[in-house]
All heavy atoms as atom14 arrays in JSON, in Angstrom:
{
  "sequence": "RSVALGGVRVQVPFSYLKEAVQVVENINSGKYKT",
  "atom14_mask": [
    [1, 1, 1, 1, 1, 1, 1, 1, 1, 1, 1, 0, 0, 0],
    [1, 1, 1, 1, 1, 1, 0, 0, 0, 0, 0, 0, 0, 0],
    [1, 1, 1, 1, 1, 1, 1, 0, 0, 0, 0, 0, 0, 0],
    [1, 1, 1, 1, 1, 0, 0, 0, 0, 0, 0, 0, 0, 0],
    [1, 1, 1, 1, 1, 1, 1, 1, 0, 0, 0, 0, 0, 0],
    [1, 1, 1, 1, 0, 0, 0, 0, 0, 0, 0, 0, 0, 0],
    [1, 1, 1, 1, 0, 0, 0, 0, 0, 0, 0, 0, 0, 0],
    [1, 1, 1, 1, 1, 1, 1, 0, 0, 0, 0, 0, 0, 0],
    [1, 1, 1, 1, 1, 1, 1, 1, 1, 1, 1, 0, 0, 0],
    [1, 1, 1, 1, 1, 1, 1, 0, 0, 0, 0, 0, 0, 0],
    [1, 1, 1, 1, 1, 1, 1, 1, 1, 0, 0, 0, 0, 0],
    [1, 1, 1, 1, 1, 1, 1, 0, 0, 0, 0, 0, 0, 0],
    [1, 1, 1, 1, 1, 1, 1, 0, 0, 0, 0, 0, 0, 0],
    [1, 1, 1, 1, 1, 1, 1, 1, 1, 1, 1, 0, 0, 0],
    [1, 1, 1, 1, 1, 1, 0, 0, 0, 0, 0, 0, 0, 0],
    [1, 1, 1, 1, 1, 1, 1, 1, 1, 1, 1, 1, 0, 0],
    [1, 1, 1, 1, 1, 1, 1, 1, 0, 0, 0, 0, 0, 0],
    [1, 1, 1, 1, 1, 1, 1, 1, 1, 0, 0, 0, 0, 0],
    [1, 1, 1, 1, 1, 1, 1, 1, 1, 0, 0, 0, 0, 0],
    [1, 1, 1, 1, 1, 0, 0, 0, 0, 0, 0, 0, 0, 0],
    [1, 1, 1, 1, 1, 1, 1, 0, 0, 0, 0, 0, 0, 0],
    [1, 1, 1, 1, 1, 1, 1, 1, 1, 0, 0, 0, 0, 0],
    [1, 1, 1, 1, 1, 1, 1, 0, 0, 0, 0, 0, 0, 0],
    [1, 1, 1, 1, 1, 1, 1, 0, 0, 0, 0, 0, 0, 0],
    [1, 1, 1, 1, 1, 1, 1, 1, 1, 0, 0, 0, 0, 0],
    [1, 1, 1, 1, 1, 1, 1, 1, 0, 0, 0, 0, 0, 0],
    [1, 1, 1, 1, 1, 1, 1, 1, 0, 0, 0, 0, 0, 0],
    [1, 1, 1, 1, 1, 1, 1, 1, 0, 0, 0, 0, 0, 0],
    [1, 1, 1, 1, 1, 1, 0, 0, 0, 0, 0, 0, 0, 0],
    [1, 1, 1, 1, 0, 0, 0, 0, 0, 0, 0, 0, 0, 0],
    [1, 1, 1, 1, 1, 1, 1, 1, 1, 0, 0, 0, 0, 0],
    [1, 1, 1, 1, 1, 1, 1, 1, 1, 1, 1, 1, 0, 0],
    [1, 1, 1, 1, 1, 1, 1, 1, 1, 0, 0, 0, 0, 0],
    [1, 1, 1, 1, 1, 1, 1, 0, 0, 0, 0, 0, 0, 0]
  ],
  "atom14_positions": [
    [[154.87, -187.3, 97.42], [155.68, -188.14, 96.55], [154.99, -188.32, 95.19], [155.64, -188.35, 94.16], [155.93, -189.5, 97.2], [156.98, -190.29, 96.47], [157.46, -191.46, 97.26], [158.2, -190.98, 98.43], [158.4, -191.68, 99.52], [157.93, -192.9, 99.63], [159.08, -191.18, 100.53], [0.0, 0.0, 0.0], [0.0, 0.0, 0.0], [0.0, 0.0, 0.0]],
    [[153.68, -188.39, 95.2], [152.94, -188.53, 93.95], [153.18, -187.33, 93.04], [153.41, -187.48, 91.84], [151.44, -188.67, 94.23], [150.72, -188.63, 93.03], [0.0, 0.0, 0.0], [0.0, 0.0, 0.0], [0.0, 0.0, 0.0], [0.0, 0.0, 0.0], [0.0, 0.0, 0.0], [0.0, 0.0, 0.0], [0.0, 0.0, 0.0], [0.0, 0.0, 0.0]],
    [[153.13, -186.14, 93.61], [153.37, -184.93, 92.82], [154.8, -184.94, 92.27], [155.03, -184.62, 91.11], [153.09, -183.67, 93.65], [153.51, -182.41, 92.9], [151.61, -183.59, 94.02], [0.0, 0.0, 0.0], [0.0, 0.0, 0.0], [0.0, 0.0, 0.0], [0.0, 0.0, 0.0], [0.0, 0.0, 0.0], [0.0, 0.0, 0.0], [0.0, 0.0, 0.0]],
    [[155.73, -185.36, 93.07], [157.13, -185.43, 92.63], [157.31, -186.45, 91.5], [158.16, -186.26, 90.62], [158.03, -185.8, 93.8], [0.0, 0.0, 0.0], [0.0, 0.0, 0.0], [0.0, 0.0, 0.0], [0.0, 0.0, 0.0], [0.0, 0.0, 0.0], [0.0, 0.0, 0.0], [0.0, 0.0, 0.0], [0.0, 0.0, 0.0], [0.0, 0.0, 0.0]],
    [[156.49, -187.5, 91.49], [156.58, -188.53, 90.44], [155.8, -188.14, 89.18], [155.82, -188.86, 88.2], [156.06, -189.87, 90.97], [156.9, -190.51, 92.07], [156.19, -191.73, 92.64], [158.28, -190.9, 91.53], [0.0, 0.0, 0.0], [0.0, 0.0, 0.0], [0.0, 0.0, 0.0], [0.0, 0.0, 0.0], [0.0, 0.0, 0.0], [0.0, 0.0, 0.0]],
    [[155.09, -187.02, 89.21], [154.37, -186.58, 88.02], [152.87, -186.62, 88.13], [152.16, -186.36, 87.17], [0.0, 0.0, 0.0], [0.0, 0.0, 0.0], [0.0, 0.0, 0.0], [0.0, 0.0, 0.0], [0.0, 0.0, 0.0], [0.0, 0.0, 0.0], [0.0, 0.0, 0.0], [0.0, 0.0, 0.0], [0.0, 0.0, 0.0], [0.0, 0.0, 0.0]],
    [[152.34, -186.97, 89.29], [150.9, -186.95, 89.5], [150.17, -188.13, 88.89], [150.77, -189.11, 88.46], [0.0, 0.0, 0.0], [0.0, 0.0, 0.0], [0.0, 0.0, 0.0], [0.0, 0.0, 0.0], [0.0, 0.0, 0.0], [0.0, 0.0, 0.0], [0.0, 0.0, 0.0], [0.0, 0.0, 0.0], [0.0, 0.0, 0.0], [0.0, 0.0, 0.0]],
    [[148.85, -188.01, 88.85], [147.99, -189.04, 88.28], [147.91, -188.78, 86.77], [147.68, -187.66, 86.34], [146.58, -188.98, 88.91], [145.7, -190.07, 88.35], [146.66, -189.08, 90.42], [0.0, 0.0, 0.0], [0.0, 0.0, 0.0], [0.0, 0.0, 0.0], [0.0, 0.0, 0.0], [0.0, 0.0, 0.0], [0.0, 0.0, 0.0], [0.0, 0.0, 0.0]],
    [[148.1, -189.83, 85.99], [148.18, -189.66, 84.53], [147.02, -190.36, 83.83], [146.63, -191.45, 84.23], [149.49, -190.24, 84.03], [150.68, -189.56, 84.64], [151.97, -190.22, 84.24], [153.02, -189.72, 85.13], [154.14, -190.35, 85.35], [154.39, -191.49, 84.75], [155.04, -189.83, 86.15], [0.0, 0.0, 0.0], [0.0, 0.0, 0.0], [0.0, 0.0, 0.0]],
    [[146.53, -189.71, 82.8], [145.55, -190.34, 81.91], [146.34, -190.74, 80.67], [147.01, -189.92, 80.05], [144.41, -189.38, 81.54], [143.43, -190.05, 80.59], [143.69, -188.9, 82.8], [0.0, 0.0, 0.0], [0.0, 0.0, 0.0], [0.0, 0.0, 0.0], [0.0, 0.0, 0.0], [0.0, 0.0, 0.0], [0.0, 0.0, 0.0], [0.0, 0.0, 0.0]],
    [[146.22, -192.03, 80.33], [147.0, -192.56, 79.22], [146.1, -193.25, 78.21], [145.05, -193.78, 78.56], [148.05, -193.55, 79.75], [149.01, -192.9, 80.74], [150.04, -193.86, 81.28], [149.76, -195.03, 81.48], [151.24, -193.35, 81.51], [0.0, 0.0, 0.0], [0.0, 0.0, 0.0], [0.0, 0.0, 0.0], [0.0, 0.0, 0.0], [0.0, 0.0, 0.0]],
    [[146.54, -193.2, 76.96], [145.8, -193.82, 75.85], [146.78, -194.59, 74.98], [147.97, -194.3, 74.96], [145.05, -192.76, 75.0], [144.05, -191.99, 75.83], [146.02, -191.81, 74.32], [0.0, 0.0, 0.0], [0.0, 0.0, 0.0], [0.0, 0.0, 0.0], [0.0, 0.0, 0.0], [0.0, 0.0, 0.0], [0.0, 0.0, 0.0], [0.0, 0.0, 0.0]],
    [[146.27, -195.56, 74.21], [147.13, -196.23, 73.24], [147.64, -195.21, 72.21], [146.92, -194.27, 71.84], [146.22, -197.27, 72.59], [145.13, -197.49, 73.59], [144.95, -196.17, 74.27], [0.0, 0.0, 0.0], [0.0, 0.0, 0.0], [0.0, 0.0, 0.0], [0.0, 0.0, 0.0], [0.0, 0.0, 0.0], [0.0, 0.0, 0.0], [0.0, 0.0, 0.0]],
    [[148.85, -195.42, 71.74], [149.48, -194.49, 70.79], [148.61, -194.24, 69.56], [148.55, -193.12, 69.05], [150.85, -195.02, 70.38], [151.59, -194.09, 69.46], [152.15, -192.93, 69.96], [151.7, -194.37, 68.12], [152.83, -192.05, 69.12], [152.37, -193.5, 67.26], [152.94, -192.34, 67.77], [0.0, 0.0, 0.0], [0.0, 0.0, 0.0], [0.0, 0.0, 0.0]],
    [[147.91, -195.25, 69.1], [147.1, -195.1, 67.89], [145.93, -194.13, 68.08], [145.35, -193.65, 67.1], [146.58, -196.46, 67.42], [145.8, -197.06, 68.44], [0.0, 0.0, 0.0], [0.0, 0.0, 0.0], [0.0, 0.0, 0.0], [0.0, 0.0, 0.0], [0.0, 0.0, 0.0], [0.0, 0.0, 0.0], [0.0, 0.0, 0.0], [0.0, 0.0, 0.0]],
    [[145.58, -193.79, 69.32], [144.49, -192.86, 69.61], [145.0, -191.5, 70.09], [144.22, -190.64, 70.46], [143.58, -193.42, 70.7], [142.76, -194.61, 70.27], [143.25, -195.9, 70.42], [141.49, -194.43, 69.71], [142.49, -196.99, 70.03], [140.73, -195.52, 69.32], [141.24, -196.8, 69.48], [140.49, -197.88, 69.1], [0.0, 0.0, 0.0], [0.0, 0.0, 0.0]],
    [[146.31, -191.31, 70.06], [146.91, -190.12, 70.67], [146.39, -188.82, 70.08], [146.01, -187.9, 70.82], [148.44, -190.18, 70.55], [149.2, -189.03, 71.19], [148.92, -188.98, 72.69], [150.69, -189.17, 70.93], [0.0, 0.0, 0.0], [0.0, 0.0, 0.0], [0.0, 0.0, 0.0], [0.0, 0.0, 0.0], [0.0, 0.0, 0.0], [0.0, 0.0, 0.0]],
    [[146.33, -188.71, 68.78], [145.91, -187.46, 68.14], [144.49, -187.07, 68.55], [144.23, -185.92, 68.92], [146.01, -187.6, 66.63], [145.77, -186.32, 65.87], [146.02, -186.54, 64.39], [145.84, -185.24, 63.63], [146.11, -185.42, 62.2], [0.0, 0.0, 0.0], [0.0, 0.0, 0.0], [0.0, 0.0, 0.0], [0.0, 0.0, 0.0], [0.0, 0.0, 0.0]],
    [[143.57, -188.05, 68.5], [142.19, -187.77, 68.89], [142.09, -187.43, 70.38], [141.33, -186.54, 70.76], [141.29, -188.97, 68.58], [141.19, -189.28, 67.11], [142.26, -190.28, 66.64], [143.21, -190.56, 67.39], [142.14, -190.76, 65.51], [0.0, 0.0, 0.0], [0.0, 0.0, 0.0], [0.0, 0.0, 0.0], [0.0, 0.0, 0.0], [0.0, 0.0, 0.0]],
    [[142.85, -188.13, 71.2], [142.81, -187.89, 72.64], [143.33, -186.51, 73.0], [142.75, -185.83, 73.86], [143.63, -188.96, 73.37], [0.0, 0.0, 0.0], [0.0, 0.0, 0.0], [0.0, 0.0, 0.0], [0.0, 0.0, 0.0], [0.0, 0.0, 0.0], [0.0, 0.0, 0.0], [0.0, 0.0, 0.0], [0.0, 0.0, 0.0], [0.0, 0.0, 0.0]],
    [[144.38, -186.07, 72.34], [144.91, -184.73, 72.59], [143.86, -183.68, 72.26], [143.68, -182.71, 72.99], [146.22, -184.5, 71.81], [146.62, -183.04, 71.82], [147.34, -185.37, 72.38], [0.0, 0.0, 0.0], [0.0, 0.0, 0.0], [0.0, 0.0, 0.0], [0.0, 0.0, 0.0], [0.0, 0.0, 0.0], [0.0, 0.0, 0.0], [0.0, 0.0, 0.0]],
    [[143.13, -183.89, 71.17], [142.07, -182.94, 70.79], [140.96, -182.91, 71.84], [140.47, -181.83, 72.19], [141.49, -183.3, 69.42], [140.45, -182.32, 68.94], [141.01, -180.91, 68.78], [142.01, -180.72, 68.12], [140.36, -179.93, 69.39], [0.0, 0.0, 0.0], [0.0, 0.0, 0.0], [0.0, 0.0, 0.0], [0.0, 0.0, 0.0], [0.0, 0.0, 0.0]],
    [[140.57, -184.06, 72.36], [139.54, -184.11, 73.4], [140.01, -183.38, 74.65], [139.27, -182.59, 75.25], [139.14, -185.57, 73.72], [138.25, -185.64, 74.94], [138.44, -186.2, 72.51], [0.0, 0.0, 0.0], [0.0, 0.0, 0.0], [0.0, 0.0, 0.0], [0.0, 0.0, 0.0], [0.0, 0.0, 0.0], [0.0, 0.0, 0.0], [0.0, 0.0, 0.0]],
    [[141.24, -183.6, 75.06], [141.78, -182.93, 76.25], [141.83, -181.42, 76.02], [141.49, -180.63, 76.92], [143.18, -183.49, 76.63], [143.83, -182.66, 77.71], [143.05, -184.94, 77.08], [0.0, 0.0, 0.0], [0.0, 0.0, 0.0], [0.0, 0.0, 0.0], [0.0, 0.0, 0.0], [0.0, 0.0, 0.0], [0.0, 0.0, 0.0], [0.0, 0.0, 0.0]],
    [[142.2, -180.99, 74.83], [142.2, -179.56, 74.51], [140.78, -179.0, 74.6], [140.57, -177.89, 75.1], [142.78, -179.3, 73.13], [144.28, -179.47, 73.07], [144.85, -179.29, 71.66], [144.08, -178.95, 70.72], [146.06, -179.52, 71.5], [0.0, 0.0, 0.0], [0.0, 0.0, 0.0], [0.0, 0.0, 0.0], [0.0, 0.0, 0.0], [0.0, 0.0, 0.0]],
    [[139.79, -179.75, 74.11], [138.39, -179.32, 74.2], [137.94, -179.21, 75.66], [137.2, -178.29, 76.01], [137.48, -180.28, 73.45], [137.66, -180.2, 71.95], [138.23, -179.25, 71.42], [137.18, -181.22, 71.25], [0.0, 0.0, 0.0], [0.0, 0.0, 0.0], [0.0, 0.0, 0.0], [0.0, 0.0, 0.0], [0.0, 0.0, 0.0], [0.0, 0.0, 0.0]],
    [[138.38, -180.13, 76.49], [138.05, -180.07, 77.92], [138.65, -178.82, 78.53], [137.97, -178.06, 79.23], [138.56, -181.33, 78.67], [137.78, -182.56, 78.22], [138.48, -181.13, 80.18], [138.38, -183.87, 78.69], [0.0, 0.0, 0.0], [0.0, 0.0, 0.0], [0.0, 0.0, 0.0], [0.0, 0.0, 0.0], [0.0, 0.0, 0.0], [0.0, 0.0, 0.0]],
    [[139.93, -178.6, 78.28], [140.63, -177.46, 78.88], [140.1, -176.12, 78.38], [140.13, -175.13, 79.11], [142.13, -177.57, 78.62], [142.75, -178.73, 79.36], [142.23, -179.19, 80.37], [143.86, -179.22, 78.85], [0.0, 0.0, 0.0], [0.0, 0.0, 0.0], [0.0, 0.0, 0.0], [0.0, 0.0, 0.0], [0.0, 0.0, 0.0], [0.0, 0.0, 0.0]],
    [[139.61, -176.07, 77.14], [139.1, -174.81, 76.59], [137.67, -174.52, 77.05], [137.16, -173.42, 76.85], [139.15, -174.84, 75.07], [138.16, -175.72, 74.55], [0.0, 0.0, 0.0], [0.0, 0.0, 0.0], [0.0, 0.0, 0.0], [0.0, 0.0, 0.0], [0.0, 0.0, 0.0], [0.0, 0.0, 0.0], [0.0, 0.0, 0.0], [0.0, 0.0, 0.0]],
    [[137.0, -175.51, 77.62], [135.63, -175.32, 78.09], [134.58, -175.62, 77.03], [133.41, -175.31, 77.21], [0.0, 0.0, 0.0], [0.0, 0.0, 0.0], [0.0, 0.0, 0.0], [0.0, 0.0, 0.0], [0.0, 0.0, 0.0], [0.0, 0.0, 0.0], [0.0, 0.0, 0.0], [0.0, 0.0, 0.0], [0.0, 0.0, 0.0], [0.0, 0.0, 0.0]],
    [[134.98, -176.22, 75.92], [134.05, -176.5, 74.82], [132.89, -177.38, 75.28], [131.73, -177.09, 74.97], [134.77, -177.16, 73.66], [133.85, -177.5, 72.52], [134.56, -178.2, 71.39], [133.53, -178.52, 70.31], [134.0, -179.49, 69.37], [0.0, 0.0, 0.0], [0.0, 0.0, 0.0], [0.0, 0.0, 0.0], [0.0, 0.0, 0.0], [0.0, 0.0, 0.0]],
    [[133.17, -178.45, 75.99], [132.11, -179.36, 76.41], [131.18, -178.71, 77.42], [129.98, -178.94, 77.41], [132.71, -180.65, 76.97], [133.49, -181.43, 75.95], [134.83, -181.73, 76.15], [132.9, -181.87, 74.77], [135.56, -182.45, 75.21], [133.61, -182.59, 73.83], [134.94, -182.87, 74.05], [135.65, -183.57, 73.11], [0.0, 0.0, 0.0], [0.0, 0.0, 0.0]],
    [[131.74, -177.88, 78.28], [130.92, -177.17, 79.26], [129.95, -176.24, 78.55], [128.76, -176.18, 78.89], [131.81, -176.38, 80.22], [131.05, -175.62, 81.26], [131.98, -174.85, 82.17], [131.18, -174.03, 83.16], [132.02, -173.15, 83.94], [0.0, 0.0, 0.0], [0.0, 0.0, 0.0], [0.0, 0.0, 0.0], [0.0, 0.0, 0.0], [0.0, 0.0, 0.0]],
    [[130.43, -175.51, 77.55], [129.58, -174.6, 76.79], [128.47, -175.35, 76.08], [127.31, -174.94, 76.1], [130.43, -173.81, 75.77], [131.46, -173.11, 76.48], [129.59, -172.83, 75.0], [0.0, 0.0, 0.0], [0.0, 0.0, 0.0], [0.0, 0.0, 0.0], [0.0, 0.0, 0.0], [0.0, 0.0, 0.0], [0.0, 0.0, 0.0], [0.0, 0.0, 0.0]]
  ]
}
């Protein structure tokens, strides 16, 4: 049921959205791991 509802979500205040999206992109690209 959780997957059907969209899973576990990480949320931020709207005023931080742009910076948060960049951090998530860095995580997904492996930048922090490198």
